[in-house]
Amino acid sequence: MGKGRGGFPGGGMPGNMSQLMKQAQRMQRQMEEAQAQLEETEMTGTAGGGVVEVTVSGKKEITKIKIDPEAVDPEDVEMLEDLVMAAANEALRKVDEVSQASMSKFTGGLGL
C-alpha cells in the first residue's frame, strides 16, 4: 500500500507537467500572434458627424488624420481641436476594446 501511494504522485506528475508546459508554450505563441495581428490593425474614430477622422494603429500610434475643410473655422479653432481630440479618443477606445476582446480568449479560462 505504501508503495502504491509513493508511486502515484511521482509517476503522474511529470507527464501532467510536461503537458501543461506544452499548453502554456502554445498559448504564449498564440498570444504573440494575436498581439502582432492587433498591432497591424487600424481603428478609425470620427467626430462632428464625420468631419474629423483619426486613424490609430494597434500600437496606439496615430497613422492618419482627415479633416473636412468645412470643419475649419478660423474663428473657432477650439471646436476643431475638440473634434480632433474626440475622434482620437474614440479610435483609442476601439483599439482597447479589440485588444481586450482578443486577449480575453486566452485569459478567460485562467481566472485572471
N, C-alpha and C. Protein backbone atom coordinates (compact mmCIF):
# COMPACT_ATOMS: atom_id res chain seq x y z
N MET A 1 0.82 -1.19 0.00
CA MET A 1 0.00 0.00 0.00
C MET A 1 0.87 1.26 0.00
N GLY A 2 1.92 1.29 0.82
CA GLY A 2 2.83 2.42 0.86
C GLY A 2 3.50 2.63 -0.48
N LYS A 3 3.79 1.52 -1.17
CA LYS A 3 4.44 1.61 -2.47
C LYS A 3 3.53 2.28 -3.50
N GLY A 4 2.27 1.93 -3.50
CA GLY A 4 1.31 2.49 -4.46
C GLY A 4 1.13 3.99 -4.23
N ARG A 5 1.04 4.37 -2.96
CA ARG A 5 0.86 5.79 -2.68
C ARG A 5 2.11 6.58 -3.04
N GLY A 6 3.25 6.04 -2.72
CA GLY A 6 4.50 6.72 -3.02
C GLY A 6 4.72 6.87 -4.52
N GLY A 7 4.28 5.91 -5.31
CA GLY A 7 4.50 5.95 -6.75
C GLY A 7 3.51 6.85 -7.49
N PHE A 8 2.34 7.08 -6.93
CA PHE A 8 1.31 7.86 -7.63
C PHE A 8 1.71 9.30 -7.91
N PRO A 9 2.13 10.08 -6.89
CA PRO A 9 2.49 11.47 -7.21
C PRO A 9 3.69 11.56 -8.14
N GLY A 10 4.68 10.73 -7.91
CA GLY A 10 5.89 10.79 -8.73
C GLY A 10 5.63 10.31 -10.14
N GLY A 11 4.78 9.31 -10.30
CA GLY A 11 4.52 8.74 -11.62
C GLY A 11 3.59 9.59 -12.46
N GLY A 12 2.60 10.24 -11.85
CA GLY A 12 1.63 11.01 -12.61
C GLY A 12 2.07 12.44 -12.89
N MET A 13 2.89 13.00 -12.07
CA MET A 13 3.23 14.42 -12.16
C MET A 13 4.06 14.80 -13.39
N PRO A 14 5.14 14.10 -13.70
CA PRO A 14 5.95 14.54 -14.84
C PRO A 14 5.17 14.62 -16.15
N GLY A 15 4.30 13.66 -16.42
CA GLY A 15 3.51 13.69 -17.65
C GLY A 15 2.57 14.88 -17.68
N ASN A 16 1.92 15.14 -16.55
CA ASN A 16 0.99 16.27 -16.47
C ASN A 16 1.75 17.58 -16.60
N MET A 17 2.90 17.66 -15.97
CA MET A 17 3.68 18.89 -16.01
C MET A 17 4.17 19.15 -17.44
N SER A 18 4.58 18.12 -18.11
CA SER A 18 5.03 18.24 -19.49
C SER A 18 3.90 18.73 -20.37
N GLN A 19 2.71 18.17 -20.18
CA GLN A 19 1.54 18.56 -20.96
C GLN A 19 1.19 20.03 -20.68
N LEU A 20 1.24 20.42 -19.40
CA LEU A 20 0.94 21.81 -19.04
C LEU A 20 1.94 22.77 -19.68
N MET A 21 3.20 22.40 -19.69
CA MET A 21 4.23 23.25 -20.29
C MET A 21 3.98 23.42 -21.79
N LYS A 22 3.62 22.32 -22.46
CA LYS A 22 3.33 22.40 -23.90
C LYS A 22 2.13 23.31 -24.16
N GLN A 23 1.10 23.18 -23.33
CA GLN A 23 -0.09 24.03 -23.49
C GLN A 23 0.27 25.49 -23.25
N ALA A 24 1.08 25.75 -22.23
CA ALA A 24 1.48 27.13 -21.92
C ALA A 24 2.30 27.73 -23.07
N GLN A 25 3.20 26.95 -23.64
CA GLN A 25 4.01 27.44 -24.76
C GLN A 25 3.14 27.71 -25.99
N ARG A 26 2.16 26.83 -26.23
CA ARG A 26 1.26 27.01 -27.36
C ARG A 26 0.42 28.28 -27.15
N MET A 27 -0.07 28.47 -25.94
CA MET A 27 -0.88 29.65 -25.63
C MET A 27 -0.04 30.92 -25.78
N GLN A 28 1.21 30.87 -25.35
CA GLN A 28 2.08 32.04 -25.48
C GLN A 28 2.30 32.39 -26.95
N ARG A 29 2.54 31.38 -27.79
CA ARG A 29 2.70 31.63 -29.23
C ARG A 29 1.44 32.25 -29.82
N GLN A 30 0.28 31.72 -29.44
CA GLN A 30 -0.98 32.24 -29.96
C GLN A 30 -1.19 33.68 -29.51
N MET A 31 -0.84 33.98 -28.26
CA MET A 31 -0.98 35.35 -27.76
C MET A 31 -0.06 36.29 -28.51
N GLU A 32 1.17 35.86 -28.78
CA GLU A 32 2.12 36.69 -29.53
C GLU A 32 1.62 36.94 -30.95
N GLU A 33 1.04 35.92 -31.57
CA GLU A 33 0.49 36.08 -32.92
C GLU A 33 -0.69 37.04 -32.90
N ALA A 34 -1.56 36.92 -31.90
CA ALA A 34 -2.72 37.81 -31.78
C ALA A 34 -2.26 39.24 -31.56
N GLN A 35 -1.23 39.43 -30.73
CA GLN A 35 -0.70 40.77 -30.47
C GLN A 35 -0.11 41.37 -31.75
N ALA A 36 0.63 40.58 -32.50
CA ALA A 36 1.22 41.07 -33.75
C ALA A 36 0.13 41.45 -34.74
N GLN A 37 -0.93 40.65 -34.80
CA GLN A 37 -2.05 40.94 -35.70
C GLN A 37 -2.74 42.23 -35.26
N LEU A 38 -2.92 42.40 -33.95
CA LEU A 38 -3.55 43.61 -33.43
C LEU A 38 -2.73 44.85 -33.78
N GLU A 39 -1.40 44.74 -33.68
CA GLU A 39 -0.54 45.89 -33.96
C GLU A 39 -0.66 46.34 -35.42
N GLU A 40 -1.02 45.43 -36.31
CA GLU A 40 -1.18 45.76 -37.72
C GLU A 40 -2.58 46.30 -38.04
N THR A 41 -3.50 46.15 -37.09
CA THR A 41 -4.87 46.60 -37.27
C THR A 41 -4.95 48.11 -37.09
N GLU A 42 -5.85 48.73 -37.83
CA GLU A 42 -6.09 50.16 -37.67
C GLU A 42 -7.56 50.39 -37.31
N MET A 43 -7.79 51.34 -36.40
CA MET A 43 -9.13 51.71 -35.99
C MET A 43 -9.31 53.20 -36.27
N THR A 44 -10.51 53.57 -36.71
CA THR A 44 -10.78 54.97 -37.01
C THR A 44 -11.89 55.48 -36.10
N GLY A 45 -11.64 56.64 -35.52
CA GLY A 45 -12.64 57.33 -34.73
C GLY A 45 -13.08 58.56 -35.49
N THR A 46 -14.35 58.93 -35.34
CA THR A 46 -14.87 60.10 -36.03
C THR A 46 -15.52 61.05 -35.03
N ALA A 47 -15.66 62.29 -35.42
CA ALA A 47 -16.35 63.28 -34.60
C ALA A 47 -17.00 64.31 -35.52
N GLY A 48 -17.97 65.01 -34.97
CA GLY A 48 -18.64 66.05 -35.75
C GLY A 48 -19.38 65.50 -36.95
N GLY A 49 -19.97 64.33 -36.80
CA GLY A 49 -20.69 63.74 -37.92
C GLY A 49 -19.78 63.28 -39.05
N GLY A 50 -18.53 63.03 -38.73
CA GLY A 50 -17.58 62.52 -39.72
C GLY A 50 -16.71 63.58 -40.35
N VAL A 51 -16.80 64.84 -39.89
CA VAL A 51 -15.95 65.87 -40.49
C VAL A 51 -14.50 65.73 -40.04
N VAL A 52 -14.29 65.01 -38.93
CA VAL A 52 -12.93 64.73 -38.47
C VAL A 52 -12.80 63.23 -38.27
N GLU A 53 -11.75 62.64 -38.84
CA GLU A 53 -11.46 61.22 -38.68
C GLU A 53 -10.02 61.08 -38.23
N VAL A 54 -9.82 60.22 -37.22
CA VAL A 54 -8.47 59.93 -36.75
C VAL A 54 -8.30 58.42 -36.80
N THR A 55 -7.24 57.97 -37.45
CA THR A 55 -6.95 56.54 -37.54
C THR A 55 -5.74 56.24 -36.67
N VAL A 56 -5.88 55.16 -35.89
CA VAL A 56 -4.85 54.78 -34.93
C VAL A 56 -4.48 53.32 -35.18
N SER A 57 -3.19 53.01 -35.06
CA SER A 57 -2.75 51.62 -35.21
C SER A 57 -2.98 50.87 -33.89
N GLY A 58 -2.85 49.57 -33.95
CA GLY A 58 -2.96 48.75 -32.75
C GLY A 58 -1.88 49.05 -31.73
N LYS A 59 -0.84 49.74 -32.17
CA LYS A 59 0.23 50.17 -31.26
C LYS A 59 -0.11 51.50 -30.60
N LYS A 60 -1.32 51.99 -30.88
CA LYS A 60 -1.81 53.26 -30.36
C LYS A 60 -1.01 54.44 -30.88
N GLU A 61 -0.64 54.36 -32.15
CA GLU A 61 0.03 55.47 -32.83
C GLU A 61 -0.91 56.02 -33.89
N ILE A 62 -1.06 57.34 -33.93
CA ILE A 62 -1.92 57.95 -34.94
C ILE A 62 -1.25 57.77 -36.30
N THR A 63 -2.00 57.19 -37.23
CA THR A 63 -1.46 56.94 -38.57
C THR A 63 -2.05 57.87 -39.61
N LYS A 64 -3.22 58.48 -39.29
CA LYS A 64 -3.86 59.34 -40.29
C LYS A 64 -4.87 60.25 -39.60
N ILE A 65 -4.91 61.49 -40.05
CA ILE A 65 -5.94 62.43 -39.61
C ILE A 65 -6.56 63.03 -40.86
N LYS A 66 -7.88 62.99 -40.93
CA LYS A 66 -8.60 63.56 -42.07
C LYS A 66 -9.56 64.62 -41.52
N ILE A 67 -9.45 65.83 -42.05
CA ILE A 67 -10.31 66.93 -41.62
C ILE A 67 -11.01 67.51 -42.84
N ASP A 68 -12.32 67.49 -42.79
CA ASP A 68 -13.12 68.09 -43.85
C ASP A 68 -12.92 69.60 -43.79
N PRO A 69 -12.66 70.24 -44.92
CA PRO A 69 -12.45 71.69 -44.92
C PRO A 69 -13.59 72.48 -44.26
N GLU A 70 -14.80 71.93 -44.28
CA GLU A 70 -15.93 72.61 -43.64
C GLU A 70 -15.75 72.72 -42.13
N ALA A 71 -14.93 71.83 -41.55
CA ALA A 71 -14.71 71.85 -40.10
C ALA A 71 -13.71 72.92 -39.69
N VAL A 72 -13.04 73.52 -40.66
CA VAL A 72 -12.03 74.53 -40.36
C VAL A 72 -12.66 75.91 -40.34
N ASP A 73 -12.78 76.45 -39.12
CA ASP A 73 -13.32 77.79 -38.94
C ASP A 73 -12.27 78.60 -38.19
N PRO A 74 -11.60 79.52 -38.85
CA PRO A 74 -10.56 80.31 -38.19
C PRO A 74 -11.06 81.04 -36.95
N GLU A 75 -12.35 81.29 -36.89
CA GLU A 75 -12.93 81.98 -35.73
C GLU A 75 -13.19 81.03 -34.57
N ASP A 76 -13.13 79.72 -34.82
CA ASP A 76 -13.45 78.75 -33.76
C ASP A 76 -12.49 77.55 -33.83
N VAL A 77 -11.22 77.82 -33.62
CA VAL A 77 -10.20 76.78 -33.65
C VAL A 77 -10.43 75.76 -32.53
N GLU A 78 -10.93 76.22 -31.39
CA GLU A 78 -11.17 75.32 -30.26
C GLU A 78 -12.13 74.20 -30.62
N MET A 79 -13.14 74.49 -31.43
CA MET A 79 -14.09 73.46 -31.85
C MET A 79 -13.37 72.38 -32.64
N LEU A 80 -12.50 72.76 -33.56
CA LEU A 80 -11.74 71.80 -34.35
C LEU A 80 -10.83 70.98 -33.45
N GLU A 81 -10.18 71.63 -32.49
CA GLU A 81 -9.32 70.90 -31.54
C GLU A 81 -10.12 69.86 -30.77
N ASP A 82 -11.32 70.24 -30.33
CA ASP A 82 -12.18 69.31 -29.60
C ASP A 82 -12.60 68.13 -30.47
N LEU A 83 -12.89 68.41 -31.73
CA LEU A 83 -13.29 67.34 -32.65
C LEU A 83 -12.15 66.36 -32.89
N VAL A 84 -10.93 66.89 -33.07
CA VAL A 84 -9.77 66.02 -33.27
C VAL A 84 -9.53 65.16 -32.02
N MET A 85 -9.62 65.78 -30.86
CA MET A 85 -9.41 65.05 -29.61
C MET A 85 -10.49 63.96 -29.44
N ALA A 86 -11.74 64.30 -29.71
CA ALA A 86 -12.82 63.32 -29.58
C ALA A 86 -12.64 62.15 -30.53
N ALA A 87 -12.27 62.43 -31.76
CA ALA A 87 -12.06 61.36 -32.74
C ALA A 87 -10.88 60.48 -32.34
N ALA A 88 -9.80 61.10 -31.86
CA ALA A 88 -8.63 60.32 -31.44
C ALA A 88 -8.98 59.43 -30.25
N ASN A 89 -9.70 59.97 -29.28
CA ASN A 89 -10.09 59.18 -28.12
C ASN A 89 -11.01 58.02 -28.49
N GLU A 90 -11.91 58.25 -29.44
CA GLU A 90 -12.79 57.17 -29.91
C GLU A 90 -11.97 56.07 -30.56
N ALA A 91 -11.01 56.44 -31.40
CA ALA A 91 -10.16 55.45 -32.07
C ALA A 91 -9.36 54.65 -31.04
N LEU A 92 -8.81 55.32 -30.03
CA LEU A 92 -8.04 54.64 -28.99
C LEU A 92 -8.92 53.69 -28.19
N ARG A 93 -10.16 54.09 -27.91
CA ARG A 93 -11.08 53.21 -27.19
C ARG A 93 -11.35 51.95 -28.01
N LYS A 94 -11.49 52.12 -29.33
CA LYS A 94 -11.73 50.96 -30.20
C LYS A 94 -10.55 50.00 -30.15
N VAL A 95 -9.33 50.54 -30.16
CA VAL A 95 -8.15 49.69 -30.07
C VAL A 95 -8.16 48.92 -28.75
N ASP A 96 -8.49 49.60 -27.65
CA ASP A 96 -8.55 48.93 -26.34
C ASP A 96 -9.59 47.83 -26.34
N GLU A 97 -10.76 48.09 -26.92
CA GLU A 97 -11.82 47.08 -26.96
C GLU A 97 -11.39 45.85 -27.74
N VAL A 98 -10.79 46.07 -28.89
CA VAL A 98 -10.34 44.95 -29.72
C VAL A 98 -9.23 44.18 -29.00
N SER A 99 -8.33 44.91 -28.37
CA SER A 99 -7.23 44.27 -27.64
C SER A 99 -7.76 43.42 -26.49
N GLN A 100 -8.69 43.97 -25.71
CA GLN A 100 -9.26 43.22 -24.59
C GLN A 100 -10.02 41.99 -25.07
N ALA A 101 -10.78 42.14 -26.14
CA ALA A 101 -11.53 41.01 -26.68
C ALA A 101 -10.58 39.93 -27.18
N SER A 102 -9.50 40.35 -27.82
CA SER A 102 -8.52 39.40 -28.36
C SER A 102 -7.83 38.64 -27.23
N MET A 103 -7.40 39.35 -26.20
CA MET A 103 -6.68 38.71 -25.10
C MET A 103 -7.59 37.91 -24.18
N SER A 104 -8.89 38.26 -24.12
CA SER A 104 -9.80 37.53 -23.24
C SER A 104 -9.99 36.10 -23.71
N LYS A 105 -9.73 35.84 -24.99
CA LYS A 105 -9.79 34.46 -25.49
C LYS A 105 -8.77 33.60 -24.74
N PHE A 106 -7.66 34.22 -24.36
CA PHE A 106 -6.60 33.46 -23.71
C PHE A 106 -6.70 33.51 -22.20
N THR A 107 -7.08 34.65 -21.66
CA THR A 107 -7.11 34.80 -20.20
C THR A 107 -8.43 34.41 -19.59
N GLY A 108 -9.48 34.28 -20.39
CA GLY A 108 -10.80 33.97 -19.87
C GLY A 108 -10.83 32.69 -19.05
N GLY A 109 -10.16 31.68 -19.48
CA GLY A 109 -10.17 30.42 -18.78
C GLY A 109 -9.16 30.32 -17.65
N LEU A 110 -8.35 31.36 -17.49
CA LEU A 110 -7.32 31.30 -16.45
C LEU A 110 -7.74 31.97 -15.15
N GLY A 111 -8.91 32.60 -15.15
CA GLY A 111 -9.39 33.27 -13.95
C GLY A 111 -8.59 34.51 -13.61
N LEU A 112 -8.01 35.17 -14.63
CA LEU A 112 -7.23 36.39 -14.39
C LEU A 112 -8.12 37.61 -14.40
